[in-house]
Amino acid sequence: MADQKNRPAEEARGEEKRIEEEAAQLAREQARRQTGLAREQAIQEQQAAEEAKRKEKRIEEEAAQLAREQARRQTGLAREQAILKEQAAKEAKRKEKRIEEEAAQLAREQARRQTGLAREQAIQREQAAKEAKRKEKNIEEEAAQLAREQARRKIDLAREQAIAEEQEARRRKAKNQPPE
């Protein structure tokens, strides 16, 4: 009987023990859940931190990429501007050279024209001198021709006079001579 009296106390102790075990089980379960929740939160925080780092790194990389791209564009622009300046300088040199060549060509052309004009003037002077000599020679020849003709006429006239005088003398002689 003592066992029976002790039985409700044992049952109560067993119940109490069971309640304590359930409470301990619940506490362990709750601690396990809290640990799991804390682990999940830690994982999520770690993932969030990693994601934030990735985003930050991506932002930095994008900024660096943009900076590289901008530097590349500026370099390209500077290169293009340098090429344009170089082309402009070459074009200016070509224009300057062309102007110099045109000036030299004009000077050569002018010198050639002047030389040609001087040659033509020399030829004209030479021809004028030859023409003057020809005219002078012609005048001298004409004067000599006139003098020769005048001399020939005088000779012819003198001959005719001599013939006429001779004929006159013959006629007088024939008149003065008696007929035979």
Protein backbone atom coordinates (compact mmCIF):
# COMPACT_ATOMS: atom_id res chain seq x y z
CA MET A 1 0.00 0.00 0.00
CA ALA A 2 2.76 2.16 0.65
CA ASP A 3 3.45 1.69 -2.95
CA GLN A 4 0.02 2.90 -3.77
CA LYS A 5 0.38 5.91 -1.57
CA ASN A 6 3.63 6.69 -3.15
CA ARG A 7 2.28 6.05 -6.51
CA PRO A 8 0.45 9.33 -7.00
CA ALA A 9 3.57 11.03 -5.69
CA GLU A 10 5.64 9.00 -8.08
CA GLU A 11 3.22 9.70 -10.83
CA ALA A 12 3.30 13.32 -9.83
CA ARG A 13 7.06 13.21 -9.81
CA GLY A 14 7.06 11.30 -13.11
CA GLU A 15 4.60 13.90 -14.46
CA GLU A 16 6.76 16.64 -13.07
CA LYS A 17 9.82 14.95 -14.48
CA ARG A 18 8.02 14.57 -17.83
CA ILE A 19 6.92 18.21 -17.66
CA GLU A 20 10.46 19.22 -16.83
CA GLU A 21 11.75 17.07 -19.70
CA GLU A 22 9.13 18.52 -22.04
CA ALA A 23 10.05 21.99 -20.78
CA ALA A 24 13.73 21.11 -21.27
CA GLN A 25 12.84 19.60 -24.65
CA LEU A 26 10.89 22.75 -25.54
CA ALA A 27 13.75 24.88 -24.28
CA ARG A 28 16.23 22.83 -26.35
CA GLU A 29 13.87 22.99 -29.33
CA GLN A 30 13.44 26.71 -28.88
CA ALA A 31 17.20 27.14 -28.43
CA ARG A 32 17.78 25.01 -31.53
CA ARG A 33 15.20 27.08 -33.47
CA GLN A 34 16.77 30.30 -32.20
CA THR A 35 20.20 28.98 -33.11
CA GLY A 36 18.89 27.98 -36.57
CA LEU A 37 17.17 31.35 -36.90
CA ALA A 38 20.33 33.11 -35.74
CA ARG A 39 22.36 30.96 -38.20
CA GLU A 40 19.91 31.83 -41.01
CA GLN A 41 20.02 35.47 -40.05
CA ALA A 42 23.82 35.31 -39.92
CA ILE A 43 23.82 33.60 -43.36
CA GLN A 44 21.38 36.18 -44.70
CA GLU A 45 23.44 38.99 -43.19
CA GLN A 46 26.58 37.42 -44.62
CA GLN A 47 24.87 37.04 -48.01
CA ALA A 48 23.56 40.59 -47.75
CA ALA A 49 27.06 41.79 -46.84
CA GLU A 50 28.53 39.78 -49.73
CA GLU A 51 25.81 41.12 -52.06
CA ALA A 52 26.54 44.64 -50.80
CA LYS A 53 30.27 44.02 -51.41
CA ARG A 54 29.48 42.66 -54.89
CA LYS A 55 27.29 45.69 -55.59
CA GLU A 56 29.96 48.00 -54.24
CA LYS A 57 32.60 46.19 -56.28
CA ARG A 58 30.34 46.28 -59.38
CA ILE A 59 29.72 49.99 -58.79
CA GLU A 60 33.46 50.56 -58.40
CA GLU A 61 34.15 48.44 -61.51
CA GLU A 62 31.45 50.31 -63.45
CA ALA A 63 32.91 53.62 -62.26
CA ALA A 64 36.39 52.42 -63.22
CA GLN A 65 35.02 51.15 -66.56
CA LEU A 66 33.30 54.49 -67.13
CA ALA A 67 36.52 56.29 -66.19
CA ARG A 68 38.51 54.03 -68.58
CA GLU A 69 35.89 54.55 -71.30
CA GLN A 70 35.94 58.31 -70.76
CA ALA A 71 39.75 58.32 -70.76
CA ARG A 72 39.71 56.20 -73.97
CA ARG A 73 37.23 58.62 -75.57
CA GLN A 74 39.32 61.60 -74.46
CA THR A 75 42.46 59.92 -75.77
CA GLY A 76 40.68 59.17 -79.05
CA LEU A 77 39.40 62.73 -79.22
CA ALA A 78 42.87 64.09 -78.46
CA ARG A 79 44.31 61.76 -81.13
CA GLU A 80 41.71 62.93 -83.66
CA GLN A 81 42.40 66.56 -82.76
CA ALA A 82 46.13 65.94 -83.14
CA ILE A 83 45.51 64.31 -86.53
CA LEU A 84 43.31 67.22 -87.58
CA LYS A 85 45.96 69.71 -86.42
CA GLU A 86 48.64 67.74 -88.26
CA GLN A 87 46.47 67.61 -91.40
CA ALA A 88 45.76 71.33 -91.12
CA ALA A 89 49.49 72.02 -90.71
CA LYS A 90 50.28 69.82 -93.74
CA GLU A 91 47.54 71.54 -95.74
CA ALA A 92 48.92 74.95 -94.72
CA LYS A 93 52.42 73.82 -95.78
CA ARG A 94 51.03 72.54 -99.10
CA LYS A 95 49.21 75.84 -99.66
CA GLU A 96 52.35 77.79 -98.74
CA LYS A 97 54.44 75.61 -101.05
CA ARG A 98 51.85 75.95 -103.83
CA ILE A 99 51.83 79.74 -103.35
CA GLU A 100 55.64 79.79 -103.46
CA GLU A 101 55.63 77.54 -106.55
CA GLU A 102 52.99 79.73 -108.20
CA ALA A 103 55.05 82.84 -107.38
CA ALA A 104 58.19 81.14 -108.75
CA GLN A 105 56.23 79.97 -111.81
CA LEU A 106 54.91 83.50 -112.34
CA ALA A 107 58.45 84.88 -111.97
CA ARG A 108 59.79 82.29 -114.47
CA GLU A 109 56.90 83.03 -116.82
CA GLN A 110 57.52 86.78 -116.52
CA ALA A 111 61.26 86.28 -117.05
CA ARG A 112 60.51 84.06 -120.08
CA ARG A 113 58.16 86.70 -121.49
CA GLN A 114 60.72 89.44 -120.85
CA THR A 115 63.43 87.31 -122.47
CA GLY A 116 61.16 86.65 -125.43
CA LEU A 117 60.28 90.34 -125.68
CA ALA A 118 63.97 91.31 -125.45
CA ARG A 119 64.77 88.72 -128.16
CA GLU A 120 61.97 90.06 -130.37
CA GLN A 121 63.16 93.63 -129.78
CA ALA A 122 66.74 92.60 -130.60
CA ILE A 123 65.51 90.87 -133.77
CA GLN A 124 63.47 93.94 -134.70
CA ARG A 125 66.47 96.23 -134.06
CA GLU A 126 68.67 93.90 -136.09
CA GLN A 127 66.09 93.81 -138.90
CA ALA A 128 65.72 97.59 -138.71
CA ALA A 129 69.53 97.96 -138.88
CA LYS A 130 69.67 95.55 -141.87
CA GLU A 131 66.80 97.42 -143.49
CA ALA A 132 68.59 100.75 -142.89
CA LYS A 133 71.81 99.26 -144.40
CA ARG A 134 69.82 97.94 -147.39
CA LYS A 135 68.18 101.34 -147.88
CA GLU A 136 71.56 103.08 -147.53
CA LYS A 137 73.09 100.59 -149.98
CA ASN A 138 70.13 101.06 -152.33
CA ILE A 139 70.51 104.82 -152.05
CA GLU A 140 74.25 104.49 -152.77
CA GLU A 141 73.54 102.06 -155.63
CA GLU A 142 70.81 104.35 -156.98
CA ALA A 143 73.18 107.32 -156.75
CA ALA A 144 75.90 105.29 -158.49
CA GLN A 145 73.34 104.06 -161.07
CA LEU A 146 72.18 107.64 -161.60
CA ALA A 147 75.82 108.74 -161.91
CA ARG A 148 76.52 105.91 -164.42
CA GLU A 149 73.39 106.71 -166.38
CA GLN A 150 74.26 110.42 -166.34
CA ALA A 151 77.81 109.58 -167.43
CA ARG A 152 76.45 107.26 -170.15
CA ARG A 153 74.04 109.94 -171.28
CA LYS A 154 76.89 112.43 -171.38
CA ILE A 155 78.97 109.94 -173.32
CA ASP A 156 76.01 109.20 -175.61
CA LEU A 157 75.36 112.91 -175.97
CA ALA A 158 79.04 113.56 -176.56
CA ARG A 159 79.09 110.73 -179.13
CA GLU A 160 75.97 112.03 -180.80
CA GLN A 161 77.47 115.53 -180.83
CA ALA A 162 80.70 114.13 -182.19
CA ILE A 163 78.76 112.22 -184.86
CA ALA A 164 76.68 115.28 -185.59
CA GLU A 165 79.82 117.45 -185.77
CA GLU A 166 81.51 114.89 -187.99
CA GLN A 167 78.47 114.76 -190.24
CA GLU A 168 78.37 118.52 -190.23
CA ALA A 169 82.01 118.65 -191.03
CA ARG A 170 81.49 116.18 -193.89
CA ARG A 171 78.63 118.12 -195.21
CA ARG A 172 80.62 121.32 -195.12
CA LYS A 173 83.50 119.60 -196.64
CA ALA A 174 81.24 118.13 -199.26
CA LYS A 175 79.79 121.56 -199.84
CA ASN A 176 83.17 123.16 -200.07
CA GLN A 177 84.47 120.66 -202.49
CA PRO A 178 83.61 121.07 -206.01
CA PRO A 179 81.75 118.35 -207.67
CA GLU A 180 83.90 116.04 -209.62
